[in-house]
């Protein structure tokens, strides 16, 4: 059980590192992405979210067996 919590905290840390890199290296890109998301239809956002979930589950499944 403790290992699962450690893995979660490490994953959260990696998310923060990646987001920090984006903000530090290309601060205008997140603003453009938010504007594009606001203009996108909900059906496309929903499909993108479902694809991201499927990809994430696939990666975890491949890495964890």
Protein backbone atom coordinates (compact mmCIF):
# COMPACT_ATOMS: atom_id res chain seq x y z
CA UNK A 1 0.00 0.00 0.00
CA UNK A 2 2.80 2.42 0.85
CA UNK A 3 4.44 1.83 -2.54
CA UNK A 4 1.22 2.92 -4.29
CA UNK A 5 1.26 6.21 -2.39
CA UNK A 6 4.92 6.77 -3.26
CA UNK A 7 4.18 6.09 -6.94
CA UNK A 8 1.29 8.56 -6.82
CA UNK A 9 3.43 11.29 -5.27
CA UNK A 10 6.21 10.67 -7.83
CA UNK A 11 3.66 10.88 -10.67
CA UNK A 12 2.29 14.12 -9.24
CA UNK A 13 5.82 15.51 -9.01
CA UNK A 14 6.47 14.62 -12.65
CA UNK A 15 3.28 16.42 -13.70
CA UNK A 16 4.46 19.52 -11.85
CA UNK A 17 7.90 19.32 -13.50
CA UNK A 18 6.37 19.05 -16.97
CA UNK A 19 3.94 21.91 -16.36
CA UNK A 20 6.73 24.01 -14.90
CA UNK A 21 8.89 23.38 -17.95
CA UNK A 22 6.09 24.46 -20.27
CA UNK A 23 5.50 27.66 -18.31
CA UNK A 24 9.22 28.44 -18.06
CA UNK A 25 10.14 27.69 -21.67
CA UNK A 26 7.01 28.80 -23.54
CA UNK A 27 4.79 30.95 -21.30
CA UNK A 28 2.53 32.02 -24.15
CA UNK A 29 1.66 28.47 -25.20
CA UNK A 30 -0.68 27.68 -22.25
CA UNK A 31 -2.61 30.90 -22.95
CA UNK A 32 -3.08 29.90 -26.58
CA UNK A 33 -4.09 26.38 -25.54
CA UNK A 34 -6.73 27.70 -23.12
CA UNK A 35 -8.13 29.96 -25.84
CA UNK A 36 -8.26 27.03 -28.27
CA UNK A 37 -9.98 24.85 -25.66
CA UNK A 38 -12.56 27.55 -24.98
CA UNK A 39 -13.38 27.73 -28.69
CA UNK A 40 -13.56 23.95 -29.22
CA UNK A 41 -16.93 22.19 -29.19
CA UNK A 42 -17.72 20.08 -26.13
CA UNK A 43 -17.94 16.91 -28.20
CA UNK A 44 -14.34 17.32 -29.33
CA UNK A 45 -13.18 18.04 -25.75
CA UNK A 46 -15.04 14.95 -24.51
CA UNK A 47 -13.46 12.78 -27.22
CA UNK A 48 -10.02 14.18 -26.40
CA UNK A 49 -10.57 13.43 -22.72
CA UNK A 50 -11.66 9.87 -23.45
CA UNK A 51 -8.63 9.33 -25.69
CA UNK A 52 -6.32 10.72 -22.98
CA UNK A 53 -7.88 8.35 -20.43
CA UNK A 54 -7.45 5.37 -22.78
CA UNK A 55 -3.84 6.31 -23.52
CA UNK A 56 -3.05 6.79 -19.83
CA UNK A 57 -4.62 3.47 -18.86
CA UNK A 58 -2.73 1.79 -21.69
CA UNK A 59 0.60 3.21 -20.57
CA UNK A 60 0.00 2.20 -16.95
CA UNK A 61 -1.13 -1.27 -18.02
CA UNK A 62 1.97 -1.76 -20.20
CA UNK A 63 4.34 -0.51 -17.49
CA UNK A 64 2.70 -2.28 -14.54
CA UNK A 65 1.75 -5.48 -16.34
